[in-house]
Amino acid sequence: MDDELTAVCRDIAARQRYRAGPRRVADAVNELLARRGYADVQSAASHADIWRAAAGSPLGEHSAAGKIRRGVLEVFARNSAIVQELTFRRKQLLADLARLGPERKIRDLKFRVGPVD
C-alpha cells in the first residue's frame, strides 16, 4: 500500500508545473518601473549632467545627451556645425565620459541634429 501511495505521489509531483513562491514587493516595484520606463528617465537626467561636464560650457550648452543603447550615447546638437565640432572631439569626449561615469560603459557617441532644451 505504501509503495502504491508513494508512486501516486511521485506521479502527481511530476505532472505539476513549477509554481513560484510569493514575490517580494521590492522586486515587483522594480519590474514595474523597468517595464514602464521610469528608470530610464532618472538615468537620462544623470546622462545629461555627465555630458555637460564632459563637453564643457560652450558645447554643453548647444548639445544634449539622449539615451544609451548598446554602449552608444546619442547626443543631440542644435546645428550641424556643433555636430562637426563634437565629431572632431570624439576621442577626448569618450575619455572624459569614461572618467566621469565609468559605470555607464559608454564606448561610442552618435551625434545628431535635434532639439536641445
PDB file of N, CA and C in Angstrom:
ATOM      1  N   MET A   1       0.803  -1.184   0.000  1.00  0.00           N
ATOM      2  CA  MET A   1       0.000   0.000   0.000  1.00  0.00           C
ATOM      3  C   MET A   1       0.855   1.261   0.000  1.00  0.00           C
ATOM      4  N   ASP A   2       1.924   1.253   0.812  1.00  0.00           N
ATOM      5  CA  ASP A   2       2.796   2.414   0.880  1.00  0.00           C
ATOM      6  C   ASP A   2       3.527   2.637  -0.442  1.00  0.00           C
ATOM      7  N   ASP A   3       3.930   1.552  -1.084  1.00  0.00           N
ATOM      8  CA  ASP A   3       4.612   1.686  -2.374  1.00  0.00           C
ATOM      9  C   ASP A   3       3.671   2.277  -3.421  1.00  0.00           C
ATOM     10  N   GLU A   4       2.417   1.863  -3.375  1.00  0.00           N
ATOM     11  CA  GLU A   4       1.435   2.379  -4.316  1.00  0.00           C
ATOM     12  C   GLU A   4       1.185   3.871  -4.085  1.00  0.00           C
ATOM     13  N   LEU A   5       1.050   4.259  -2.823  1.00  0.00           N
ATOM     14  CA  LEU A   5       0.817   5.651  -2.467  1.00  0.00           C
ATOM     15  C   LEU A   5       2.016   6.513  -2.847  1.00  0.00           C
ATOM     16  N   THR A   6       3.219   6.015  -2.605  1.00  0.00           N
ATOM     17  CA  THR A   6       4.432   6.741  -2.977  1.00  0.00           C
ATOM     18  C   THR A   6       4.521   6.923  -4.481  1.00  0.00           C
ATOM     19  N   ALA A   7       4.180   5.906  -5.231  1.00  0.00           N
ATOM     20  CA  ALA A   7       4.201   6.003  -6.694  1.00  0.00           C
ATOM     21  C   ALA A   7       3.191   7.021  -7.192  1.00  0.00           C
ATOM     22  N   VAL A   8       2.000   7.047  -6.600  1.00  0.00           N
ATOM     23  CA  VAL A   8       0.972   8.018  -6.993  1.00  0.00           C
ATOM     24  C   VAL A   8       1.439   9.441  -6.673  1.00  0.00           C
ATOM     25  N   CYS A   9       2.040   9.640  -5.505  1.00  0.00           N
ATOM     26  CA  CYS A   9       2.538  10.969  -5.112  1.00  0.00           C
ATOM     27  C   CYS A   9       3.648  11.435  -6.056  1.00  0.00           C
ATOM     28  N   ARG A  10       4.534  10.539  -6.431  1.00  0.00           N
ATOM     29  CA  ARG A  10       5.599  10.892  -7.372  1.00  0.00           C
ATOM     30  C   ARG A  10       5.022  11.260  -8.733  1.00  0.00           C
ATOM     31  N   ASP A  11       4.008  10.523  -9.163  1.00  0.00           N
ATOM     32  CA  ASP A  11       3.371  10.797 -10.440  1.00  0.00           C
ATOM     33  C   ASP A  11       2.709  12.177 -10.426  1.00  0.00           C
ATOM     34  N   ILE A  12       2.012  12.492  -9.350  1.00  0.00           N
ATOM     35  CA  ILE A  12       1.365  13.809  -9.235  1.00  0.00           C
ATOM     36  C   ILE A  12       2.415  14.910  -9.204  1.00  0.00           C
ATOM     37  N   ALA A  13       3.471  14.708  -8.446  1.00  0.00           N
ATOM     38  CA  ALA A  13       4.527  15.721  -8.353  1.00  0.00           C
ATOM     39  C   ALA A  13       5.201  15.938  -9.703  1.00  0.00           C
ATOM     40  N   ALA A  14       5.352  14.875 -10.484  1.00  0.00           N
ATOM     41  CA  ALA A  14       5.992  15.002 -11.801  1.00  0.00           C
ATOM     42  C   ALA A  14       5.111  15.756 -12.778  1.00  0.00           C
ATOM     43  N   ARG A  15       3.803  15.663 -12.615  1.00  0.00           N
ATOM     44  CA  ARG A  15       2.886  16.326 -13.541  1.00  0.00           C
ATOM     45  C   ARG A  15       2.651  17.795 -13.196  1.00  0.00           C
ATOM     46  N   GLN A  16       2.875  18.171 -11.963  1.00  0.00           N
ATOM     47  CA  GLN A  16       2.642  19.556 -11.568  1.00  0.00           C
ATOM     48  C   GLN A  16       3.697  20.466 -12.166  1.00  0.00           C
ATOM     49  N   ARG A  17       3.248  21.622 -12.551  1.00  0.00           N
ATOM     50  CA  ARG A  17       4.182  22.626 -13.047  1.00  0.00           C
ATOM     51  C   ARG A  17       4.777  23.381 -11.868  1.00  0.00           C
ATOM     52  N   TYR A  18       5.902  23.973 -12.142  1.00  0.00           N
ATOM     53  CA  TYR A  18       6.591  24.728 -11.104  1.00  0.00           C
ATOM     54  C   TYR A  18       5.766  25.964 -10.751  1.00  0.00           C
ATOM     55  N   ARG A  19       5.541  26.146  -9.484  1.00  0.00           N
ATOM     56  CA  ARG A  19       4.840  27.335  -9.013  1.00  0.00           C
ATOM     57  C   ARG A  19       5.827  28.169  -8.219  1.00  0.00           C
ATOM     58  N   ALA A  20       5.946  29.414  -8.625  1.00  0.00           N
ATOM     59  CA  ALA A  20       6.838  30.306  -7.904  1.00  0.00           C
ATOM     60  C   ALA A  20       6.200  30.687  -6.579  1.00  0.00           C
ATOM     61  N   GLY A  21       7.035  30.887  -5.598  1.00  0.00           N
ATOM     62  CA  GLY A  21       6.544  31.304  -4.296  1.00  0.00           C
ATOM     63  C   GLY A  21       6.152  32.773  -4.322  1.00  0.00           C
ATOM     64  N   PRO A  22       5.805  33.321  -3.203  1.00  0.00           N
ATOM     65  CA  PRO A  22       5.431  34.737  -3.159  1.00  0.00           C
ATOM     66  C   PRO A  22       6.622  35.620  -3.521  1.00  0.00           C
ATOM     67  N   ARG A  23       6.331  36.727  -4.200  1.00  0.00           N
ATOM     68  CA  ARG A  23       7.386  37.650  -4.628  1.00  0.00           C
ATOM     69  C   ARG A  23       7.538  38.770  -3.621  1.00  0.00           C
ATOM     70  N   ARG A  24       8.730  39.284  -3.542  1.00  0.00           N
ATOM     71  CA  ARG A  24       8.965  40.444  -2.687  1.00  0.00           C
ATOM     72  C   ARG A  24       8.377  41.681  -3.354  1.00  0.00           C
ATOM     73  N   VAL A  25       7.875  42.594  -2.566  1.00  0.00           N
ATOM     74  CA  VAL A  25       7.269  43.818  -3.088  1.00  0.00           C
ATOM     75  C   VAL A  25       8.317  44.651  -3.829  1.00  0.00           C
ATOM     76  N   ALA A  26       9.524  44.688  -3.316  1.00  0.00           N
ATOM     77  CA  ALA A  26      10.583  45.472  -3.950  1.00  0.00           C
ATOM     78  C   ALA A  26      10.876  44.958  -5.360  1.00  0.00           C
ATOM     79  N   ASP A  27      10.858  43.635  -5.536  1.00  0.00           N
ATOM     80  CA  ASP A  27      11.095  43.066  -6.868  1.00  0.00           C
ATOM     81  C   ASP A  27       9.968  43.428  -7.825  1.00  0.00           C
ATOM     82  N   ALA A  28       8.743  43.392  -7.335  1.00  0.00           N
ATOM     83  CA  ALA A  28       7.601  43.743  -8.186  1.00  0.00           C
ATOM     84  C   ALA A  28       7.641  45.212  -8.587  1.00  0.00           C
ATOM     85  N   VAL A  29       8.008  46.091  -7.665  1.00  0.00           N
ATOM     86  CA  VAL A  29       8.090  47.521  -7.972  1.00  0.00           C
ATOM     87  C   VAL A  29       9.216  47.780  -8.966  1.00  0.00           C
ATOM     88  N   ASN A  30      10.359  47.145  -8.787  1.00  0.00           N
ATOM     89  CA  ASN A  30      11.473  47.318  -9.725  1.00  0.00           C
ATOM     90  C   ASN A  30      11.097  46.856 -11.122  1.00  0.00           C
ATOM     91  N   GLU A  31      10.406  45.735 -11.208  1.00  0.00           N
ATOM     92  CA  GLU A  31       9.979  45.236 -12.515  1.00  0.00           C
ATOM     93  C   GLU A  31       8.987  46.200 -13.172  1.00  0.00           C
ATOM     94  N   LEU A  32       8.074  46.742 -12.386  1.00  0.00           N
ATOM     95  CA  LEU A  32       7.102  47.700 -12.908  1.00  0.00           C
ATOM     96  C   LEU A  32       7.791  48.962 -13.418  1.00  0.00           C
ATOM     97  N   LEU A  33       8.750  49.478 -12.646  1.00  0.00           N
ATOM     98  CA  LEU A  33       9.483  50.672 -13.073  1.00  0.00           C
ATOM     99  C   LEU A  33      10.242  50.423 -14.360  1.00  0.00           C
ATOM    100  N   ALA A  34      10.848  49.255 -14.475  1.00  0.00           N
ATOM    101  CA  ALA A  34      11.595  48.933 -15.692  1.00  0.00           C
ATOM    102  C   ALA A  34      10.668  48.794 -16.889  1.00  0.00           C
ATOM    103  N   ARG A  35       9.506  48.165 -16.699  1.00  0.00           N
ATOM    104  CA  ARG A  35       8.562  47.987 -17.808  1.00  0.00           C
ATOM    105  C   ARG A  35       7.989  49.313 -18.291  1.00  0.00           C
ATOM    106  N   ARG A  36       7.697  50.198 -17.362  1.00  0.00           N
ATOM    107  CA  ARG A  36       7.090  51.485 -17.717  1.00  0.00           C
ATOM    108  C   ARG A  36       8.112  52.505 -18.209  1.00  0.00           C
ATOM    109  N   GLY A  37       9.387  52.253 -17.955  1.00  0.00           N
ATOM    110  CA  GLY A  37      10.422  53.150 -18.440  1.00  0.00           C
ATOM    111  C   GLY A  37      10.770  54.278 -17.491  1.00  0.00           C
ATOM    112  N   TYR A  38      10.290  54.219 -16.248  1.00  0.00           N
ATOM    113  CA  TYR A  38      10.588  55.271 -15.300  1.00  0.00           C
ATOM    114  C   TYR A  38      12.058  55.277 -14.898  1.00  0.00           C
ATOM    115  N   ALA A  39      12.697  54.144 -14.922  1.00  0.00           N
ATOM    116  CA  ALA A  39      14.121  54.074 -14.589  1.00  0.00           C
ATOM    117  C   ALA A  39      14.946  54.787 -15.648  1.00  0.00           C
ATOM    118  N   ASP A  40      14.508  54.752 -16.907  1.00  0.00           N
ATOM    119  CA  ASP A  40      15.222  55.444 -17.979  1.00  0.00           C
ATOM    120  C   ASP A  40      15.205  56.950 -17.794  1.00  0.00           C
ATOM    121  N   VAL A  41      14.142  57.485 -17.214  1.00  0.00           N
ATOM    122  CA  VAL A  41      14.042  58.921 -17.008  1.00  0.00           C
ATOM    123  C   VAL A  41      15.116  59.377 -16.040  1.00  0.00           C
ATOM    124  N   GLN A  42      15.306  58.638 -14.960  1.00  0.00           N
ATOM    125  CA  GLN A  42      16.326  59.002 -13.995  1.00  0.00           C
ATOM    126  C   GLN A  42      17.716  58.899 -14.612  1.00  0.00           C
ATOM    127  N   SER A  43      17.965  57.839 -15.346  1.00  0.00           N
ATOM    128  CA  SER A  43      19.295  57.669 -15.916  1.00  0.00           C
ATOM    129  C   SER A  43      19.552  58.701 -17.009  1.00  0.00           C
ATOM    130  N   ALA A  44      18.517  59.111 -17.750  1.00  0.00           N
ATOM    131  CA  ALA A  44      18.700  60.129 -18.778  1.00  0.00           C
ATOM    132  C   ALA A  44      19.099  61.455 -18.139  1.00  0.00           C
ATOM    133  N   ALA A  45      18.535  61.765 -16.988  1.00  0.00           N
ATOM    134  CA  ALA A  45      18.899  63.004 -16.295  1.00  0.00           C
ATOM    135  C   ALA A  45      20.351  62.959 -15.834  1.00  0.00           C
ATOM    136  N   SER A  46      20.799  61.810 -15.358  1.00  0.00           N
ATOM    137  CA  SER A  46      22.194  61.711 -14.931  1.00  0.00           C
ATOM    138  C   SER A  46      23.134  61.708 -16.134  1.00  0.00           C
ATOM    139  N   HIS A  47      22.676  61.170 -17.282  1.00  0.00           N
ATOM    140  CA  HIS A  47      23.486  61.253 -18.507  1.00  0.00           C
ATOM    141  C   HIS A  47      23.694  62.716 -18.890  1.00  0.00           C
ATOM    142  N   ALA A  48      22.657  63.507 -18.740  1.00  0.00           N
ATOM    143  CA  ALA A  48      22.733  64.921 -19.116  1.00  0.00           C
ATOM    144  C   ALA A  48      23.780  65.648 -18.273  1.00  0.00           C
ATOM    145  N   ASP A  49      23.808  65.374 -16.977  1.00  0.00           N
ATOM    146  CA  ASP A  49      24.792  66.028 -16.106  1.00  0.00           C
ATOM    147  C   ASP A  49      26.219  65.644 -16.488  1.00  0.00           C
ATOM    148  N   ILE A  50      26.431  64.364 -16.719  1.00  0.00           N
ATOM    149  CA  ILE A  50      27.770  63.900 -17.089  1.00  0.00           C
ATOM    150  C   ILE A  50      28.170  64.458 -18.453  1.00  0.00           C
ATOM    151  N   TRP A  51      27.216  64.507 -19.398  1.00  0.00           N
ATOM    152  CA  TRP A  51      27.520  65.027 -20.726  1.00  0.00           C
ATOM    153  C   TRP A  51      27.937  66.498 -20.653  1.00  0.00           C
ATOM    154  N   ARG A  52      27.187  67.311 -19.894  1.00  0.00           N
ATOM    155  CA  ARG A  52      27.530  68.729 -19.781  1.00  0.00           C
ATOM    156  C   ARG A  52      28.917  68.913 -19.175  1.00  0.00           C
ATOM    157  N   ALA A  53      29.260  68.088 -18.201  1.00  0.00           N
ATOM    158  CA  ALA A  53      30.590  68.187 -17.582  1.00  0.00           C
ATOM    159  C   ALA A  53      31.682  67.791 -18.571  1.00  0.00           C
ATOM    160  N   ALA A  54      31.439  66.760 -19.374  1.00  0.00           N
ATOM    161  CA  ALA A  54      32.456  66.296 -20.327  1.00  0.00           C
ATOM    162  C   ALA A  54      32.593  67.255 -21.505  1.00  0.00           C
ATOM    163  N   ALA A  55      31.485  67.796 -21.996  1.00  0.00           N
ATOM    164  CA  ALA A  55      31.521  68.657 -23.181  1.00  0.00           C
ATOM    165  C   ALA A  55      32.031  70.052 -22.864  1.00  0.00           C
ATOM    166  N   GLY A  56      31.866  70.508 -21.642  1.00  0.00           N
ATOM    167  CA  GLY A  56      32.295  71.849 -21.296  1.00  0.00           C
ATOM    168  C   GLY A  56      31.203  72.868 -21.581  1.00  0.00           C
ATOM    169  N   SER A  57      31.471  74.113 -21.208  1.00  0.00           N
ATOM    170  CA  SER A  57      30.415  75.124 -21.295  1.00  0.00           C
ATOM    171  C   SER A  57      30.008  75.503 -22.718  1.00  0.00           C
ATOM    172  N   PRO A  58      30.893  75.734 -23.663  1.00  0.00           N
ATOM    173  CA  PRO A  58      30.371  76.160 -24.976  1.00  0.00           C
ATOM    174  C   PRO A  58      29.606  75.053 -25.701  1.00  0.00           C
ATOM    175  N   LEU A  59      30.140  73.854 -25.709  1.00  0.00           N
ATOM    176  CA  LEU A  59      29.476  72.766 -26.426  1.00  0.00           C
ATOM    177  C   LEU A  59      28.341  72.160 -25.611  1.00  0.00           C
ATOM    178  N   GLY A  60      28.478  72.146 -24.315  1.00  0.00           N
ATOM    179  CA  GLY A  60      27.449  71.581 -23.454  1.00  0.00           C
ATOM    180  C   GLY A  60      26.146  72.353 -23.502  1.00  0.00           C
ATOM    181  N   GLU A  61      26.229  73.660 -23.757  1.00  0.00           N
ATOM    182  CA  GLU A  61      25.027  74.493 -23.851  1.00  0.00           C
ATOM    183  C   GLU A  61      24.280  74.266 -25.157  1.00  0.00           C
ATOM    184  N   HIS A  62      24.976  73.840 -26.188  1.00  0.00           N
ATOM    185  CA  HIS A  62      24.371  73.662 -27.511  1.00  0.00           C
ATOM    186  C   HIS A  62      24.146  72.199 -27.876  1.00  0.00           C
ATOM    187  N   SER A  63      24.283  71.321 -26.877  1.00  0.00           N
ATOM    188  CA  SER A  63      24.061  69.888 -27.124  1.00  0.00           C
ATOM    189  C   SER A  63      23.416  69.258 -25.898  1.00  0.00           C
ATOM    190  N   ALA A  64      22.813  68.101 -26.106  1.00  0.00           N
ATOM    191  CA  ALA A  64      22.152  67.393 -25.011  1.00  0.00           C
ATOM    192  C   ALA A  64      22.307  65.892 -25.198  1.00  0.00           C
ATOM    193  N   ALA A  65      22.455  65.188 -24.080  1.00  0.00           N
ATOM    194  CA  ALA A  65      22.596  63.728 -24.123  1.00  0.00           C
ATOM    195  C   ALA A  65      21.232  63.073 -24.239  1.00  0.00           C
ATOM    196  N   GLY A  66      21.189  62.007 -25.014  1.00  0.00           N
ATOM    197  CA  GLY A  66      19.969  61.210 -25.147  1.00  0.00           C
ATOM    198  C   GLY A  66      20.136  59.908 -24.397  1.00  0.00           C
ATOM    199  N   LYS A  67      19.629  58.838 -24.960  1.00  0.00           N
ATOM    200  CA  LYS A  67      19.708  57.522 -24.327  1.00  0.00           C
ATOM    201  C   LYS A  67      20.991  56.799 -24.706  1.00  0.00           C
ATOM    202  N   ILE A  68      21.348  55.842 -23.874  1.00  0.00           N
ATOM    203  CA  ILE A  68      22.465  54.954 -24.174  1.00  0.00           C
ATOM    204  C   ILE A  68      21.872  53.643 -24.662  1.00  0.00           C
ATOM    205  N   ARG A  69      22.242  53.262 -25.864  1.00  0.00           N
ATOM    206  CA  ARG A  69      21.793  51.988 -26.434  1.00  0.00           C
ATOM    207  C   ARG A  69      23.019  51.189 -26.840  1.00  0.00           C
ATOM    208  N   ARG A  70      23.163  50.029 -26.209  1.00  0.00           N
ATOM    209  CA  ARG A  70      24.288  49.129 -26.510  1.00  0.00           C
ATOM    210  C   ARG A  70      25.635  49.825 -26.411  1.00  0.00           C
ATOM    211  N   GLY A  71      25.778  50.676 -25.411  1.00  0.00           N
ATOM    212  CA  GLY A  71      27.043  51.350 -25.174  1.00  0.00           C
ATOM    213  C   GLY A  71      27.274  52.580 -26.025  1.00  0.00           C
ATOM    214  N   VAL A  72      26.290  53.006 -26.803  1.00  0.00           N
ATOM    215  CA  VAL A  72      26.420  54.183 -27.667  1.00  0.00           C
ATOM    216  C   VAL A  72      25.518  55.282 -27.120  1.00  0.00           C
ATOM    217  N   LEU A  73      26.122  56.397 -26.730  1.00  0.00           N
ATOM    218  CA  LEU A  73      25.367  57.543 -26.234  1.00  0.00           C
ATOM    219  C   LEU A  73      24.938  58.406 -27.411  1.00  0.00           C
ATOM    220  N   GLU A  74      23.645  58.657 -27.497  1.00  0.00           N
ATOM    221  CA  GLU A  74      23.107  59.511 -28.553  1.00  0.00           C
ATOM    222  C   GLU A  74      23.150  60.950 -28.053  1.00  0.00           C
ATOM    223  N   VAL A  75      23.743  61.842 -28.845  1.00  0.00           N
ATOM    224  CA  VAL A  75      23.889  63.238 -28.466  1.00  0.00           C
ATOM    225  C   VAL A  75      23.203  64.100 -29.518  1.00  0.00           C
ATOM    226  N   PHE A  76      22.332  65.008 -29.055  1.00  0.00           N
ATOM    227  CA  PHE A  76      21.640  65.927 -29.952  1.00  0.00           C
ATOM    228  C   PHE A  76      22.323  67.287 -29.910  1.00  0.00           C
ATOM    229  N   ALA A  77      22.498  67.898 -31.076  1.00  0.00           N
ATOM    230  CA  ALA A  77      23.130  69.205 -31.182  1.00  0.00           C
ATOM    231  C   ALA A  77      22.189  70.159 -31.910  1.00  0.00           C
ATOM    232  N   ARG A  78      22.356  71.467 -31.653  1.00  0.00           N
ATOM    233  CA  ARG A  78      21.468  72.473 -32.256  1.00  0.00           C
ATOM    234  C   ARG A  78      21.608  72.557 -33.769  1.00  0.00           C
ATOM    235  N   ASN A  79      22.832  72.424 -34.271  1.00  0.00           N
ATOM    236  CA  ASN A  79      23.039  72.545 -35.723  1.00  0.00           C
ATOM    237  C   ASN A  79      24.216  71.678 -36.159  1.00  0.00           C
ATOM    238  N   SER A  80      24.429  71.625 -37.455  1.00  0.00           N
ATOM    239  CA  SER A  80      25.460  70.744 -37.995  1.00  0.00           C
ATOM    240  C   SER A  80      26.873  71.210 -37.663  1.00  0.00           C
ATOM    241  N   ALA A  81      27.072  72.492 -37.434  1.00  0.00           N
ATOM    242  CA  ALA A  81      28.405  72.981 -37.051  1.00  0.00           C
ATOM    243  C   ALA A  81      28.801  72.423 -35.681  1.00  0.00           C
ATOM    244  N   ILE A  82      27.847  72.352 -34.769  1.00  0.00           N
ATOM    245  CA  ILE A  82      28.112  71.781 -33.450  1.00  0.00           C
ATOM    246  C   ILE A  82      28.388  70.282 -33.583  1.00  0.00           C
ATOM    247  N   VAL A  83      27.636  69.614 -34.444  1.00  0.00           N
ATOM    248  CA  VAL A  83      27.864  68.179 -34.683  1.00  0.00           C
ATOM    249  C   VAL A  83      29.282  67.953 -35.193  1.00  0.00           C
ATOM    250  N   GLN A  84      29.722  68.789 -36.105  1.00  0.00           N
ATOM    251  CA  GLN A  84      31.068  68.642 -36.658  1.00  0.00           C
ATOM    252  C   GLN A  84      32.135  68.869 -35.584  1.00  0.00           C
ATOM    253  N   GLU A  85      31.961  69.870 -34.745  1.00  0.00           N
ATOM    254  CA  GLU A  85      32.920  70.128 -33.673  1.00  0.00           C
ATOM    255  C   GLU A  85      32.950  68.973 -32.674  1.00  0.00           C
ATOM    256  N   LEU A  86      31.783  68.429 -32.363  1.00  0.00           N
ATOM    257  CA  LEU A  86      31.723  67.275 -31.462  1.00  0.00           C
ATOM    258  C   LEU A  86      32.414  66.061 -32.079  1.00  0.00           C
ATOM    259  N   THR A  87      32.253  65.894 -33.385  1.00  0.00           N
ATOM    260  CA  THR A  87      32.902  64.776 -34.077  1.00  0.00           C
ATOM    261  C   THR A  87      34.419  64.901 -33.998  1.00  0.00           C
ATOM    262  N   PHE A  88      34.926  66.111 -34.138  1.00  0.00           N
ATOM    263  CA  PHE A  88      36.373  66.330 -34.026  1.00  0.00           C
ATOM    264  C   PHE A  88      36.879  65.978 -32.629  1.00  0.00           C
ATOM    265  N   ARG A  89      36.059  66.203 -31.628  1.00  0.00           N
ATOM    266  CA  ARG A  89      36.469  65.979 -30.231  1.00  0.00           C
ATOM    267  C   ARG A  89      36.010  64.636 -29.676  1.00  0.00           C
ATOM    268  N   ARG A  90      35.595  63.723 -30.519  1.00  0.00           N
ATOM    269  CA  ARG A  90      35.021  62.439 -30.095  1.00  0.00           C
ATOM    270  C   ARG A  90      35.925  61.684 -29.116  1.00  0.00           C
ATOM    271  N   LYS A  91      37.196  61.527 -29.426  1.00  0.00           N
ATOM    272  CA  LYS A  91      38.090  60.747 -28.565  1.00  0.00           C
ATOM    273  C   LYS A  91      38.225  61.371 -27.175  1.00  0.00           C
ATOM    274  N   GLN A  92      38.376  62.693 -27.140  1.00  0.00           N
ATOM    275  CA  GLN A  92      38.505  63.373 -25.851  1.00  0.00           C
ATOM    276  C   GLN A  92      37.203  63.285 -25.054  1.00  0.00           C
ATOM    277  N   LEU A  93      36.066  63.407 -25.734  1.00  0.00           N
ATOM    278  CA  LEU A  93      34.778  63.300 -25.060  1.00  0.00           C
ATOM    279  C   LEU A  93      34.574  61.895 -24.478  1.00  0.00           C
ATOM    280  N   LEU A  94      34.942  60.870 -25.234  1.00  0.00           N
ATOM    281  CA  LEU A  94      34.827  59.500 -24.737  1.00  0.00           C
ATOM    282  C   LEU A  94      35.707  59.273 -23.511  1.00  0.00           C
ATOM    283  N   ALA A  95      36.906  59.822 -23.538  1.00  0.00           N
ATOM    284  CA  ALA A  95      37.807  59.693 -22.385  1.00  0.00           C
ATOM    285  C   ALA A  95      37.219  60.398 -21.163  1.00  0.00           C
ATOM    286  N   ASP A  96      36.673  61.593 -21.355  1.00  0.00           N
ATOM    287  CA  ASP A  96      36.072  62.328 -20.244  1.00  0.00           C
ATOM    288  C   ASP A  96      34.831  61.618 -19.699  1.00  0.00           C
ATOM    289  N   LEU A  97      34.020  61.070 -20.591  1.00  0.00           N
ATOM    290  CA  LEU A  97      32.835  60.339 -20.154  1.00  0.00           C
ATOM    291  C   LEU A  97      33.209  59.082 -19.373  1.00  0.00           C
ATOM    292  N   ALA A  98      34.263  58.399 -19.805  1.00  0.00           N
ATOM    293  CA  ALA A  98      34.729  57.207 -19.093  1.00  0.00           C
ATOM    294  C   ALA A  98      35.254  57.582 -17.702  1.00  0.00           C
ATOM    295  N   ARG A  99      35.877  58.738 -17.606  1.00  0.00           N
ATOM    296  CA  ARG A  99      36.413  59.191 -16.314  1.00  0.00           C
ATOM    297  C   ARG A  99      35.279  59.635 -15.381  1.00  0.00           C
ATOM    298  N   LEU A 100      34.291  60.357 -15.910  1.00  0.00           N
ATOM    299  CA  LEU A 100      33.216  60.900 -15.083  1.00  0.00           C
ATOM    300  C   LEU A 100      32.135  59.872 -14.728  1.00  0.00           C
ATOM    301  N   GLY A 101      31.891  58.931 -15.628  1.00  0.00           N
ATOM    302  CA  GLY A 101      30.850  57.932 -15.378  1.00  0.00           C
ATOM    303  C   GLY A 101      31.263  56.556 -15.829  1.00  0.00           C
ATOM    304  N   PRO A 102      32.229  55.935 -15.154  1.00  0.00           N
ATOM    305  CA  PRO A 102      32.723  54.625 -15.605  1.00  0.00           C
ATOM    306  C   PRO A 102      31.657  53.527 -15.578  1.00  0.00           C
ATOM    307  N   GLU A 103      30.649  53.663 -14.699  1.00  0.00           N
ATOM    308  CA  GLU A 103      29.611  52.631 -14.614  1.00  0.00           C
ATOM    309  C   GLU A 103      28.686  52.628 -15.827  1.00  0.00           C
ATOM    310  N   ARG A 104      28.701  53.690 -16.612  1.00  0.00           N
ATOM    311  CA  ARG A 104      27.837  53.790 -17.799  1.00  0.00           C
ATOM    312  C   ARG A 104      28.375  52.958 -18.970  1.00  0.00           C
ATOM    313  N   LYS A 105      29.660  52.740 -19.017  1.00  0.00           N
ATOM    314  CA  LYS A 105      30.305  51.930 -20.062  1.00  0.00           C
ATOM    315  C   LYS A 105      29.962  52.429 -21.464  1.00  0.00           C
ATOM    316  N   ILE A 106      30.167  53.725 -21.671  1.00  0.00           N
ATOM    317  CA  ILE A 106      29.931  54.335 -22.980  1.00  0.00           C
ATOM    318  C   ILE A 106      31.150  54.062 -23.838  1.00  0.00           C
ATOM    319  N   ARG A 107      30.945  53.388 -24.980  1.00  0.00           N
ATOM    320  CA  ARG A 107      32.071  53.035 -25.847  1.00  0.00           C
ATOM    321  C   ARG A 107      32.082  53.841 -27.136  1.00  0.00           C
ATOM    322  N   ASP A 108      30.972  54.537 -27.447  1.00  0.00           N
ATOM    323  CA  ASP A 108      30.931  55.338 -28.670  1.00  0.00           C
ATOM    324  C   ASP A 108      29.878  56.431 -28.526  1.00  0.00           C
ATOM    325  N   LEU A 109      29.942  57.405 -29.419  1.00  0.00           N
ATOM    326  CA  LEU A 109      28.998  58.518 -29.436  1.00  0.00           C
ATOM    327  C   LEU A 109      28.346  58.607 -30.809  1.00  0.00           C
ATOM    328  N   LYS A 110      27.085  58.959 -30.829  1.00  0.00           N
ATOM    329  CA  LYS A 110      26.350  59.158 -32.070  1.00  0.00           C
ATOM    330  C   LYS A 110      25.767  60.567 -32.022  1.00  0.00           C
ATOM    331  N   PHE A 111      26.177  61.401 -32.958  1.00  0.00           N
ATOM    332  CA  PHE A 111      25.743  62.796 -32.968  1.00  0.00           C
ATOM    333  C   PHE A 111      24.634  63.001 -33.980  1.00  0.00           C
ATOM    334  N   ARG A 112      23.631  63.798 -33.591  1.00  0.00           N
ATOM    335  CA  ARG A 112      22.505  64.124 -34.460  1.00  0.00           C
ATOM    336  C   ARG A 112      22.100  65.572 -34.245  1.00  0.00           C
ATOM    337  N   VAL A 113      21.583  66.170 -35.273  1.00  0.00           N
ATOM    338  CA  VAL A 113      20.984  67.489 -35.128  1.00  0.00           C
ATOM    339  C   VAL A 113      19.572  67.265 -34.620  1.00  0.00           C
ATOM    340  N   GLY A 114      19.236  67.988 -33.557  1.00  0.00           N
ATOM    341  CA  GLY A 114      17.914  67.808 -32.969  1.00  0.00           C
ATOM    342  C   GLY A 114      17.644  68.828 -31.896  1.00  0.00           C
ATOM    343  N   PRO A 115      16.508  68.686 -31.237  1.00  0.00           N
ATOM    344  CA  PRO A 115      16.127  69.653 -30.213  1.00  0.00           C
ATOM    345  C   PRO A 115      17.017  69.567 -28.980  1.00  0.00           C
ATOM    346  N   VAL A 116      17.400  70.718 -28.483  1.00  0.00           N
ATOM    347  CA  VAL A 116      18.214  70.812 -27.270  1.00  0.00           C
ATOM    348  C   VAL A 116      17.478  71.729 -26.314  1.00  0.00           C
ATOM    349  N   ASP A 117      17.152  71.214 -25.124  1.00  0.00           N
ATOM    350  CA  ASP A 117      16.420  72.015 -24.147  1.00  0.00           C
ATOM    351  C   ASP A 117      17.346  72.668 -23.169  1.00  0.00           C
TER     352      ASP A 117
END
